[in-house]
Amino acid sequence: VTVYLNGYHGDTSSMFFAGRPTRSAAALCKATQKAMRAGIQVCGPGVDFREIGKAVSRVAEEAGCYNNPMLAGHGIGSYFHGCPEIIPAVNNVDQGLMQPGMTFTVEPVLVERNDSSWEVDEADGWTLRTKTGALSAQFEHTVLITETGHEVLTGPSVDYRAILAEKVGPLPASESGSKSKGRRPSGRRAGFR
């Protein structure tokens, strides 16, 4: 969802279930939302942008999910997409430090089963999907860097803990994500399936 108000853009994304989610789909959404929040939590004046990728990657690894480094967040304001590129994975791209007044999105895409396969839909030349049918999830918020920290300008987000409890019961520890290592680059954003 995007908003354009008084000359400025806002950008946000959330996942919604159609019907009863599987435990793995609910766990994936919960992990992806947690990864986004972890990336946002490290934001503040003087912080290196690479800290976002480190925070997101820790959550993805704990959940046993592939963290797609190519599907990045972006600067936003009077323009819709611009610098800095917010790479949601561990990276060596020096984009400087966050400064008060900067606005950008944090929008990780995680894929279940640590699946890094992908292909572009030939029909539209844009939509991405996994080659194996593995599910992916994305969450996004627009963040403003303030003098003392950060402010999330979009929201709220879906409460997946409440949905899990209501629809499928508590998530057993064995399904909350296994530890896994290894990340490989993937493609540009649209919609994994």
N, C-alpha and C. Protein backbone atom coordinates (compact mmCIF):
# COMPACT_ATOMS: atom_id res chain seq x y z
N VAL A 1 0.85 -1.16 0.00
CA VAL A 1 0.00 0.00 0.00
C VAL A 1 0.90 1.23 0.00
N THR A 2 0.58 2.17 -0.84
CA THR A 2 1.33 3.42 -0.86
C THR A 2 0.38 4.58 -0.65
N VAL A 3 0.91 5.62 -0.06
CA VAL A 3 0.15 6.85 0.17
C VAL A 3 0.97 8.00 -0.37
N TYR A 4 0.31 8.96 -0.99
CA TYR A 4 0.97 10.19 -1.43
C TYR A 4 0.17 11.33 -0.81
N LEU A 5 0.79 12.07 0.12
CA LEU A 5 0.10 13.12 0.85
C LEU A 5 1.00 14.33 0.99
N ASN A 6 0.51 15.47 0.58
CA ASN A 6 1.23 16.74 0.71
C ASN A 6 2.63 16.67 0.09
N GLY A 7 2.74 15.95 -1.03
CA GLY A 7 4.00 15.89 -1.75
C GLY A 7 4.96 14.81 -1.31
N TYR A 8 4.54 13.94 -0.39
CA TYR A 8 5.42 12.89 0.13
C TYR A 8 4.77 11.51 0.00
N HIS A 9 5.64 10.52 -0.24
CA HIS A 9 5.19 9.13 -0.37
C HIS A 9 5.38 8.38 0.94
N GLY A 10 4.53 7.39 1.15
CA GLY A 10 4.68 6.39 2.21
C GLY A 10 4.54 5.04 1.56
N ASP A 11 5.18 4.03 2.08
CA ASP A 11 5.17 2.70 1.48
C ASP A 11 5.12 1.67 2.59
N THR A 12 4.21 0.72 2.50
CA THR A 12 4.09 -0.33 3.50
C THR A 12 3.56 -1.59 2.85
N SER A 13 3.87 -2.71 3.44
CA SER A 13 3.42 -4.00 2.92
C SER A 13 3.21 -4.95 4.09
N SER A 14 2.20 -5.79 3.96
CA SER A 14 1.93 -6.79 4.98
C SER A 14 1.36 -8.03 4.31
N MET A 15 1.41 -9.13 4.97
CA MET A 15 0.85 -10.38 4.47
C MET A 15 -0.49 -10.62 5.15
N PHE A 16 -1.44 -11.18 4.39
CA PHE A 16 -2.76 -11.51 4.92
C PHE A 16 -3.10 -12.92 4.50
N PHE A 17 -3.79 -13.65 5.36
CA PHE A 17 -4.18 -15.01 5.06
C PHE A 17 -5.56 -15.03 4.42
N ALA A 18 -5.71 -15.85 3.40
CA ALA A 18 -7.02 -16.14 2.81
C ALA A 18 -7.39 -17.52 3.30
N GLY A 19 -8.32 -17.59 4.22
CA GLY A 19 -8.66 -18.87 4.83
C GLY A 19 -7.73 -19.22 5.95
N ARG A 20 -7.72 -20.49 6.31
CA ARG A 20 -6.89 -20.98 7.41
C ARG A 20 -5.47 -21.21 6.92
N PRO A 21 -4.49 -20.56 7.53
CA PRO A 21 -3.10 -20.75 7.09
C PRO A 21 -2.54 -22.07 7.58
N THR A 22 -1.58 -22.61 6.85
CA THR A 22 -0.84 -23.76 7.36
C THR A 22 0.10 -23.26 8.46
N ARG A 23 0.54 -24.17 9.28
CA ARG A 23 1.50 -23.78 10.33
C ARG A 23 2.76 -23.18 9.72
N SER A 24 3.23 -23.77 8.61
CA SER A 24 4.46 -23.26 8.01
C SER A 24 4.25 -21.87 7.42
N ALA A 25 3.09 -21.59 6.83
CA ALA A 25 2.82 -20.25 6.29
C ALA A 25 2.74 -19.24 7.42
N ALA A 26 2.07 -19.61 8.51
CA ALA A 26 1.97 -18.70 9.64
C ALA A 26 3.34 -18.45 10.27
N ALA A 27 4.15 -19.50 10.38
CA ALA A 27 5.49 -19.34 10.96
C ALA A 27 6.37 -18.47 10.06
N LEU A 28 6.25 -18.63 8.75
CA LEU A 28 7.01 -17.81 7.81
C LEU A 28 6.63 -16.34 7.95
N CYS A 29 5.35 -16.06 8.03
CA CYS A 29 4.90 -14.66 8.18
C CYS A 29 5.37 -14.08 9.50
N LYS A 30 5.27 -14.88 10.55
CA LYS A 30 5.73 -14.42 11.87
C LYS A 30 7.22 -14.10 11.84
N ALA A 31 8.01 -14.98 11.23
CA ALA A 31 9.47 -14.76 11.15
C ALA A 31 9.79 -13.53 10.31
N THR A 32 9.08 -13.34 9.21
CA THR A 32 9.37 -12.20 8.33
C THR A 32 9.01 -10.88 9.01
N GLN A 33 7.89 -10.87 9.71
CA GLN A 33 7.51 -9.66 10.45
C GLN A 33 8.54 -9.37 11.55
N LYS A 34 8.98 -10.42 12.22
CA LYS A 34 10.02 -10.26 13.26
C LYS A 34 11.31 -9.73 12.65
N ALA A 35 11.67 -10.22 11.47
CA ALA A 35 12.89 -9.76 10.79
C ALA A 35 12.79 -8.28 10.43
N MET A 36 11.61 -7.87 9.93
CA MET A 36 11.42 -6.45 9.62
C MET A 36 11.58 -5.60 10.89
N ARG A 37 10.94 -6.03 11.95
CA ARG A 37 11.01 -5.27 13.21
C ARG A 37 12.45 -5.21 13.73
N ALA A 38 13.19 -6.31 13.59
CA ALA A 38 14.59 -6.31 14.03
C ALA A 38 15.41 -5.32 13.22
N GLY A 39 15.16 -5.27 11.91
CA GLY A 39 15.85 -4.31 11.06
C GLY A 39 15.53 -2.88 11.44
N ILE A 40 14.28 -2.62 11.75
CA ILE A 40 13.86 -1.27 12.15
C ILE A 40 14.46 -0.90 13.50
N GLN A 41 14.50 -1.86 14.41
CA GLN A 41 14.96 -1.59 15.78
C GLN A 41 16.37 -1.03 15.84
N VAL A 42 17.24 -1.41 14.90
CA VAL A 42 18.62 -0.94 14.95
C VAL A 42 18.78 0.47 14.36
N CYS A 43 17.73 1.01 13.76
CA CYS A 43 17.83 2.31 13.08
C CYS A 43 17.96 3.47 14.06
N GLY A 44 18.81 4.42 13.69
CA GLY A 44 18.99 5.62 14.49
C GLY A 44 20.11 6.47 13.91
N PRO A 45 20.23 7.71 14.38
CA PRO A 45 21.28 8.58 13.83
C PRO A 45 22.67 8.02 14.09
N GLY A 46 23.51 8.06 13.05
CA GLY A 46 24.88 7.58 13.18
C GLY A 46 25.05 6.09 12.99
N VAL A 47 23.97 5.37 12.70
CA VAL A 47 24.04 3.92 12.52
C VAL A 47 24.34 3.61 11.05
N ASP A 48 25.25 2.67 10.82
CA ASP A 48 25.59 2.21 9.48
C ASP A 48 24.39 1.43 8.91
N PHE A 49 24.02 1.70 7.66
CA PHE A 49 22.89 1.02 7.04
C PHE A 49 23.06 -0.49 7.01
N ARG A 50 24.28 -0.98 7.03
CA ARG A 50 24.52 -2.43 6.99
C ARG A 50 24.01 -3.13 8.25
N GLU A 51 23.79 -2.38 9.32
CA GLU A 51 23.27 -2.98 10.55
C GLU A 51 21.87 -3.55 10.34
N ILE A 52 21.10 -2.95 9.43
CA ILE A 52 19.76 -3.47 9.14
C ILE A 52 19.88 -4.88 8.59
N GLY A 53 20.76 -5.09 7.62
CA GLY A 53 20.94 -6.42 7.04
C GLY A 53 21.40 -7.45 8.05
N LYS A 54 22.28 -7.04 8.95
CA LYS A 54 22.74 -7.97 9.99
C LYS A 54 21.59 -8.41 10.89
N ALA A 55 20.76 -7.44 11.29
CA ALA A 55 19.64 -7.75 12.19
C ALA A 55 18.61 -8.65 11.50
N VAL A 56 18.28 -8.34 10.25
CA VAL A 56 17.33 -9.16 9.50
C VAL A 56 17.89 -10.57 9.31
N SER A 57 19.16 -10.68 8.96
CA SER A 57 19.79 -11.98 8.70
C SER A 57 19.78 -12.88 9.93
N ARG A 58 19.99 -12.30 11.10
CA ARG A 58 19.96 -13.10 12.33
C ARG A 58 18.60 -13.77 12.51
N VAL A 59 17.54 -13.02 12.29
CA VAL A 59 16.19 -13.58 12.45
C VAL A 59 15.93 -14.64 11.38
N ALA A 60 16.30 -14.37 10.14
CA ALA A 60 16.08 -15.33 9.06
C ALA A 60 16.81 -16.64 9.33
N GLU A 61 18.05 -16.54 9.78
CA GLU A 61 18.84 -17.74 10.08
C GLU A 61 18.20 -18.55 11.19
N GLU A 62 17.77 -17.87 12.25
CA GLU A 62 17.11 -18.56 13.37
C GLU A 62 15.86 -19.29 12.91
N ALA A 63 15.15 -18.73 11.94
CA ALA A 63 13.90 -19.31 11.45
C ALA A 63 14.11 -20.34 10.35
N GLY A 64 15.36 -20.52 9.88
CA GLY A 64 15.62 -21.47 8.81
C GLY A 64 15.10 -20.99 7.47
N CYS A 65 15.05 -19.69 7.28
CA CYS A 65 14.53 -19.10 6.05
C CYS A 65 15.64 -18.50 5.21
N TYR A 66 15.44 -18.49 3.91
CA TYR A 66 16.33 -17.78 3.00
C TYR A 66 15.97 -16.31 3.07
N ASN A 67 16.97 -15.46 3.21
CA ASN A 67 16.80 -14.02 3.29
C ASN A 67 17.26 -13.44 1.95
N ASN A 68 16.32 -13.03 1.13
CA ASN A 68 16.64 -12.59 -0.21
C ASN A 68 17.31 -11.22 -0.20
N PRO A 69 18.61 -11.14 -0.52
CA PRO A 69 19.33 -9.86 -0.45
C PRO A 69 19.04 -8.92 -1.61
N MET A 70 18.45 -9.42 -2.67
CA MET A 70 18.21 -8.59 -3.85
C MET A 70 16.90 -7.81 -3.77
N LEU A 71 16.02 -8.22 -2.91
CA LEU A 71 14.73 -7.55 -2.77
C LEU A 71 14.86 -6.53 -1.65
N ALA A 72 15.30 -5.35 -2.02
CA ALA A 72 15.77 -4.36 -1.04
C ALA A 72 14.76 -3.26 -0.78
N GLY A 73 14.91 -2.64 0.39
CA GLY A 73 14.18 -1.42 0.71
C GLY A 73 14.81 -0.25 -0.02
N HIS A 74 14.29 0.94 0.21
CA HIS A 74 14.71 2.10 -0.59
C HIS A 74 14.44 3.40 0.15
N GLY A 75 15.19 4.40 -0.26
CA GLY A 75 14.88 5.74 0.20
C GLY A 75 13.54 6.17 -0.34
N ILE A 76 12.86 7.04 0.39
CA ILE A 76 11.52 7.49 0.00
C ILE A 76 11.28 8.87 0.59
N GLY A 77 10.49 9.67 -0.07
CA GLY A 77 10.17 11.02 0.40
C GLY A 77 9.32 11.70 -0.65
N SER A 78 9.83 12.79 -1.24
CA SER A 78 9.13 13.44 -2.34
C SER A 78 9.28 12.60 -3.61
N TYR A 79 10.18 11.65 -3.61
CA TYR A 79 10.38 10.64 -4.66
C TYR A 79 9.92 9.31 -4.08
N PHE A 80 9.60 8.35 -4.95
CA PHE A 80 9.08 7.07 -4.45
C PHE A 80 10.18 6.05 -4.19
N HIS A 81 11.09 5.87 -5.11
CA HIS A 81 12.21 4.95 -4.93
C HIS A 81 13.51 5.69 -5.19
N GLY A 82 14.44 5.62 -4.25
CA GLY A 82 15.73 6.27 -4.41
C GLY A 82 16.72 5.77 -3.39
N CYS A 83 17.84 6.44 -3.32
CA CYS A 83 18.89 6.08 -2.36
C CYS A 83 18.45 6.47 -0.97
N PRO A 84 18.90 5.74 0.03
CA PRO A 84 19.80 4.60 -0.03
C PRO A 84 19.05 3.30 -0.34
N GLU A 85 19.77 2.33 -0.86
CA GLU A 85 19.21 0.98 -1.03
C GLU A 85 19.38 0.27 0.30
N ILE A 86 18.28 -0.23 0.85
CA ILE A 86 18.32 -0.88 2.16
C ILE A 86 18.42 -2.39 1.93
N ILE A 87 19.63 -2.89 1.92
CA ILE A 87 19.88 -4.30 1.65
C ILE A 87 19.58 -5.09 2.92
N PRO A 88 18.62 -6.02 2.86
CA PRO A 88 18.18 -6.69 4.08
C PRO A 88 19.02 -7.89 4.48
N ALA A 89 20.23 -8.00 3.97
CA ALA A 89 21.11 -9.13 4.28
C ALA A 89 22.50 -8.59 4.61
N VAL A 90 23.30 -9.41 5.24
CA VAL A 90 24.68 -9.03 5.52
C VAL A 90 25.33 -8.64 4.20
N ASN A 91 26.00 -7.47 4.17
CA ASN A 91 26.58 -6.99 2.91
C ASN A 91 27.75 -6.06 3.20
N ASN A 92 28.52 -5.75 2.16
CA ASN A 92 29.69 -4.87 2.29
C ASN A 92 29.49 -3.54 1.59
N VAL A 93 28.26 -3.18 1.27
CA VAL A 93 27.99 -1.94 0.54
C VAL A 93 27.96 -0.77 1.53
N ASP A 94 28.93 0.12 1.43
CA ASP A 94 29.01 1.27 2.32
C ASP A 94 28.14 2.40 1.78
N GLN A 95 27.02 2.63 2.45
CA GLN A 95 26.11 3.70 2.06
C GLN A 95 26.10 4.82 3.10
N GLY A 96 27.10 4.81 3.95
CA GLY A 96 27.21 5.85 4.96
C GLY A 96 26.39 5.54 6.19
N LEU A 97 26.15 6.59 6.95
CA LEU A 97 25.43 6.47 8.22
C LEU A 97 24.07 7.14 8.13
N MET A 98 23.14 6.62 8.90
CA MET A 98 21.80 7.21 8.97
C MET A 98 21.89 8.58 9.62
N GLN A 99 21.12 9.52 9.07
CA GLN A 99 21.11 10.90 9.58
C GLN A 99 19.68 11.34 9.87
N PRO A 100 19.47 12.18 10.89
CA PRO A 100 18.13 12.68 11.16
C PRO A 100 17.51 13.30 9.90
N GLY A 101 16.24 12.99 9.69
CA GLY A 101 15.51 13.49 8.53
C GLY A 101 15.45 12.50 7.38
N MET A 102 16.31 11.49 7.38
CA MET A 102 16.27 10.47 6.31
C MET A 102 15.02 9.62 6.47
N THR A 103 14.41 9.26 5.35
CA THR A 103 13.30 8.31 5.34
C THR A 103 13.62 7.21 4.33
N PHE A 104 13.27 5.99 4.71
CA PHE A 104 13.52 4.83 3.86
C PHE A 104 12.63 3.69 4.32
N THR A 105 12.58 2.64 3.50
CA THR A 105 11.78 1.47 3.87
C THR A 105 12.68 0.33 4.30
N VAL A 106 12.16 -0.46 5.22
CA VAL A 106 12.78 -1.72 5.60
C VAL A 106 11.77 -2.78 5.19
N GLU A 107 12.16 -3.68 4.27
CA GLU A 107 11.20 -4.62 3.70
C GLU A 107 11.81 -5.97 3.31
N PRO A 108 12.18 -6.77 4.31
CA PRO A 108 12.76 -8.07 3.99
C PRO A 108 11.77 -9.03 3.35
N VAL A 109 12.30 -9.92 2.52
CA VAL A 109 11.54 -11.03 1.94
C VAL A 109 12.23 -12.30 2.41
N LEU A 110 11.50 -13.14 3.14
CA LEU A 110 12.04 -14.42 3.59
C LEU A 110 11.33 -15.53 2.83
N VAL A 111 12.06 -16.61 2.57
CA VAL A 111 11.52 -17.76 1.86
C VAL A 111 11.67 -18.99 2.74
N GLU A 112 10.60 -19.76 2.85
CA GLU A 112 10.62 -20.96 3.70
C GLU A 112 11.64 -21.98 3.20
N ARG A 113 12.00 -22.88 4.11
CA ARG A 113 12.91 -23.99 3.83
C ARG A 113 14.26 -23.54 3.29
N ASN A 114 14.65 -22.30 3.59
CA ASN A 114 15.94 -21.78 3.14
C ASN A 114 16.14 -21.94 1.63
N ASP A 115 15.04 -21.80 0.89
CA ASP A 115 15.02 -22.02 -0.56
C ASP A 115 15.45 -20.75 -1.29
N SER A 116 16.57 -20.81 -1.99
CA SER A 116 17.08 -19.65 -2.72
C SER A 116 16.80 -19.73 -4.22
N SER A 117 16.03 -20.73 -4.65
CA SER A 117 15.73 -20.85 -6.08
C SER A 117 14.75 -19.76 -6.51
N TRP A 118 14.86 -19.32 -7.76
CA TRP A 118 13.90 -18.34 -8.26
C TRP A 118 13.90 -18.32 -9.77
N GLU A 119 12.81 -17.84 -10.31
CA GLU A 119 12.67 -17.64 -11.75
C GLU A 119 11.70 -16.49 -11.98
N VAL A 120 11.83 -15.85 -13.13
CA VAL A 120 10.96 -14.75 -13.51
C VAL A 120 9.81 -15.31 -14.34
N ASP A 121 8.59 -14.89 -14.03
CA ASP A 121 7.42 -15.29 -14.79
C ASP A 121 7.56 -14.76 -16.21
N GLU A 122 7.55 -15.64 -17.18
CA GLU A 122 7.73 -15.23 -18.58
C GLU A 122 6.55 -14.42 -19.09
N ALA A 123 5.38 -14.62 -18.54
CA ALA A 123 4.19 -13.92 -19.02
C ALA A 123 4.24 -12.41 -18.75
N ASP A 124 4.74 -12.03 -17.56
CA ASP A 124 4.77 -10.59 -17.25
C ASP A 124 6.18 -10.02 -17.14
N GLY A 125 7.19 -10.89 -17.12
CA GLY A 125 8.58 -10.42 -17.06
C GLY A 125 8.94 -9.71 -15.77
N TRP A 126 8.15 -9.85 -14.74
CA TRP A 126 8.36 -9.11 -13.49
C TRP A 126 8.21 -9.99 -12.26
N THR A 127 7.14 -10.79 -12.22
CA THR A 127 6.84 -11.59 -11.05
C THR A 127 7.92 -12.66 -10.84
N LEU A 128 8.39 -12.76 -9.60
CA LEU A 128 9.36 -13.79 -9.23
C LEU A 128 8.65 -14.89 -8.47
N ARG A 129 9.13 -16.11 -8.65
CA ARG A 129 8.60 -17.23 -7.88
C ARG A 129 9.74 -18.20 -7.61
N THR A 130 9.57 -18.98 -6.57
CA THR A 130 10.56 -20.02 -6.33
C THR A 130 10.34 -21.14 -7.34
N LYS A 131 11.39 -21.83 -7.68
CA LYS A 131 11.28 -22.94 -8.63
C LYS A 131 10.64 -24.16 -7.99
N THR A 132 10.66 -24.22 -6.66
CA THR A 132 10.15 -25.39 -5.94
C THR A 132 8.75 -25.20 -5.39
N GLY A 133 8.20 -24.00 -5.51
CA GLY A 133 6.89 -23.73 -4.93
C GLY A 133 6.96 -23.31 -3.47
N ALA A 134 8.16 -23.10 -2.95
CA ALA A 134 8.31 -22.65 -1.56
C ALA A 134 7.65 -21.28 -1.40
N LEU A 135 7.04 -21.07 -0.25
CA LEU A 135 6.37 -19.80 0.03
C LEU A 135 7.37 -18.73 0.44
N SER A 136 7.00 -17.49 0.19
CA SER A 136 7.78 -16.35 0.67
C SER A 136 6.83 -15.37 1.34
N ALA A 137 7.40 -14.47 2.12
CA ALA A 137 6.61 -13.43 2.77
C ALA A 137 7.43 -12.15 2.80
N GLN A 138 6.73 -11.02 2.76
CA GLN A 138 7.39 -9.72 2.84
C GLN A 138 6.59 -8.81 3.77
N PHE A 139 7.30 -8.04 4.56
CA PHE A 139 6.71 -6.97 5.36
C PHE A 139 7.52 -5.72 5.11
N GLU A 140 6.86 -4.56 5.20
CA GLU A 140 7.55 -3.30 4.92
C GLU A 140 6.93 -2.17 5.74
N HIS A 141 7.80 -1.32 6.23
CA HIS A 141 7.39 -0.06 6.86
C HIS A 141 8.31 1.05 6.38
N THR A 142 7.78 2.26 6.37
CA THR A 142 8.57 3.46 6.10
C THR A 142 9.07 3.99 7.44
N VAL A 143 10.36 4.27 7.50
CA VAL A 143 11.03 4.68 8.75
C VAL A 143 11.63 6.07 8.57
N LEU A 144 11.47 6.90 9.57
CA LEU A 144 12.09 8.23 9.64
C LEU A 144 13.16 8.20 10.72
N ILE A 145 14.36 8.66 10.38
CA ILE A 145 15.41 8.79 11.39
C ILE A 145 15.22 10.13 12.10
N THR A 146 15.14 10.09 13.42
CA THR A 146 14.95 11.29 14.23
C THR A 146 16.27 11.65 14.93
N GLU A 147 16.27 12.72 15.65
CA GLU A 147 17.48 13.13 16.40
C GLU A 147 17.88 12.09 17.46
N THR A 148 16.90 11.36 17.97
CA THR A 148 17.18 10.43 19.07
C THR A 148 16.95 8.96 18.73
N GLY A 149 16.53 8.65 17.52
CA GLY A 149 16.26 7.26 17.17
C GLY A 149 15.55 7.15 15.83
N HIS A 150 14.36 6.58 15.86
CA HIS A 150 13.59 6.42 14.63
C HIS A 150 12.10 6.47 14.94
N GLU A 151 11.32 6.69 13.90
CA GLU A 151 9.86 6.65 14.01
C GLU A 151 9.33 5.88 12.81
N VAL A 152 8.44 4.93 13.07
CA VAL A 152 7.79 4.19 11.98
C VAL A 152 6.62 5.05 11.52
N LEU A 153 6.62 5.39 10.22
CA LEU A 153 5.60 6.29 9.68
C LEU A 153 4.40 5.55 9.12
N THR A 154 4.50 4.24 8.96
CA THR A 154 3.40 3.44 8.45
C THR A 154 3.06 2.37 9.48
N GLY A 155 1.89 1.81 9.41
CA GLY A 155 1.54 0.74 10.34
C GLY A 155 0.08 0.84 10.70
N PRO A 156 -0.41 0.01 11.55
CA PRO A 156 0.22 -1.06 12.30
C PRO A 156 0.40 -2.32 11.46
N SER A 157 0.95 -3.35 12.06
CA SER A 157 1.15 -4.62 11.37
C SER A 157 0.20 -5.67 11.94
N VAL A 158 0.04 -6.73 11.19
CA VAL A 158 -0.82 -7.83 11.58
C VAL A 158 -0.22 -8.56 12.78
N ASP A 159 -1.06 -8.95 13.75
CA ASP A 159 -0.61 -9.67 14.94
C ASP A 159 -0.67 -11.18 14.65
N TYR A 160 0.43 -11.75 14.17
CA TYR A 160 0.44 -13.16 13.80
C TYR A 160 0.40 -14.09 14.99
N ARG A 161 0.85 -13.65 16.15
CA ARG A 161 0.74 -14.50 17.34
C ARG A 161 -0.72 -14.76 17.66
N ALA A 162 -1.54 -13.74 17.59
CA ALA A 162 -2.97 -13.91 17.86
C ALA A 162 -3.62 -14.81 16.81
N ILE A 163 -3.23 -14.65 15.54
CA ILE A 163 -3.80 -15.49 14.49
C ILE A 163 -3.39 -16.94 14.69
N LEU A 164 -2.12 -17.16 15.01
CA LEU A 164 -1.66 -18.52 15.27
C LEU A 164 -2.46 -19.17 16.40
N ALA A 165 -2.62 -18.44 17.49
CA ALA A 165 -3.33 -18.99 18.64
C ALA A 165 -4.79 -19.29 18.29
N GLU A 166 -5.42 -18.40 17.54
CA GLU A 166 -6.84 -18.56 17.21
C GLU A 166 -7.08 -19.61 16.13
N LYS A 167 -6.27 -19.60 15.08
CA LYS A 167 -6.55 -20.44 13.91
C LYS A 167 -5.89 -21.82 13.94
N VAL A 168 -4.65 -21.89 14.39
CA VAL A 168 -3.94 -23.17 14.29
C VAL A 168 -3.35 -23.64 15.61
N GLY A 169 -3.54 -22.92 16.68
CA GLY A 169 -2.98 -23.30 17.96
C GLY A 169 -1.54 -22.85 18.08
N PRO A 170 -0.96 -23.03 19.25
CA PRO A 170 0.43 -22.60 19.45
C PRO A 170 1.37 -23.33 18.51
N LEU A 171 2.40 -22.64 18.10
CA LEU A 171 3.40 -23.20 17.19
C LEU A 171 4.41 -23.99 18.01
N PRO A 172 4.55 -25.31 17.76
CA PRO A 172 5.56 -26.09 18.49
C PRO A 172 6.96 -25.57 18.21
N ALA A 173 7.85 -25.74 19.16
CA ALA A 173 9.23 -25.25 19.00
C ALA A 173 9.88 -25.83 17.76
N SER A 174 9.58 -27.07 17.41
CA SER A 174 10.20 -27.70 16.25
C SER A 174 9.76 -27.06 14.94
N GLU A 175 8.64 -26.32 14.93
CA GLU A 175 8.16 -25.68 13.71
C GLU A 175 8.43 -24.19 13.70
N SER A 176 9.03 -23.67 14.73
CA SER A 176 9.26 -22.23 14.78
C SER A 176 10.49 -21.82 13.99
N GLY A 177 11.19 -22.79 13.42
CA GLY A 177 12.35 -22.46 12.58
C GLY A 177 13.59 -23.15 13.07
N SER A 178 14.23 -23.86 12.18
CA SER A 178 15.49 -24.50 12.54
C SER A 178 16.63 -23.60 12.12
N LYS A 179 17.74 -23.75 12.78
CA LYS A 179 18.90 -22.94 12.41
C LYS A 179 19.48 -23.47 11.12
N SER A 180 19.83 -22.54 10.25
CA SER A 180 20.37 -22.91 8.95
C SER A 180 21.36 -21.85 8.53
N LYS A 181 22.37 -22.26 7.75
CA LYS A 181 23.36 -21.30 7.29
C LYS A 181 23.37 -21.27 5.78
N GLY A 182 23.91 -20.17 5.25
CA GLY A 182 24.08 -20.08 3.81
C GLY A 182 23.07 -19.17 3.15
N ARG A 183 23.56 -18.18 2.44
CA ARG A 183 22.71 -17.27 1.70
C ARG A 183 23.32 -17.07 0.33
N ARG A 184 22.50 -17.02 -0.67
CA ARG A 184 22.96 -16.75 -2.02
C ARG A 184 22.09 -15.67 -2.61
N PRO A 185 22.63 -14.88 -3.55
CA PRO A 185 21.82 -13.83 -4.16
C PRO A 185 20.65 -14.39 -4.93
N SER A 186 19.61 -13.60 -5.06
CA SER A 186 18.43 -13.99 -5.82
C SER A 186 18.07 -12.88 -6.77
N GLY A 187 16.78 -12.62 -7.01
CA GLY A 187 16.36 -11.65 -8.02
C GLY A 187 15.72 -10.42 -7.44
N ARG A 188 15.12 -9.58 -8.27
CA ARG A 188 14.48 -8.34 -7.85
C ARG A 188 13.02 -8.59 -7.54
N ARG A 189 12.42 -7.79 -6.77
CA ARG A 189 11.15 -7.92 -6.15
C ARG A 189 9.94 -7.96 -7.07
N ALA A 190 8.96 -8.64 -6.65
CA ALA A 190 7.62 -8.60 -7.20
C ALA A 190 6.77 -9.51 -6.35
N GLY A 191 6.67 -10.78 -6.64
CA GLY A 191 5.88 -11.66 -5.80
C GLY A 191 6.34 -13.09 -5.91
N PHE A 192 7.11 -13.56 -4.95
CA PHE A 192 7.45 -14.97 -4.90
C PHE A 192 6.19 -15.75 -4.64
N ARG A 193 6.18 -16.96 -5.09
CA ARG A 193 5.06 -17.83 -4.83
C ARG A 193 5.61 -19.19 -4.50
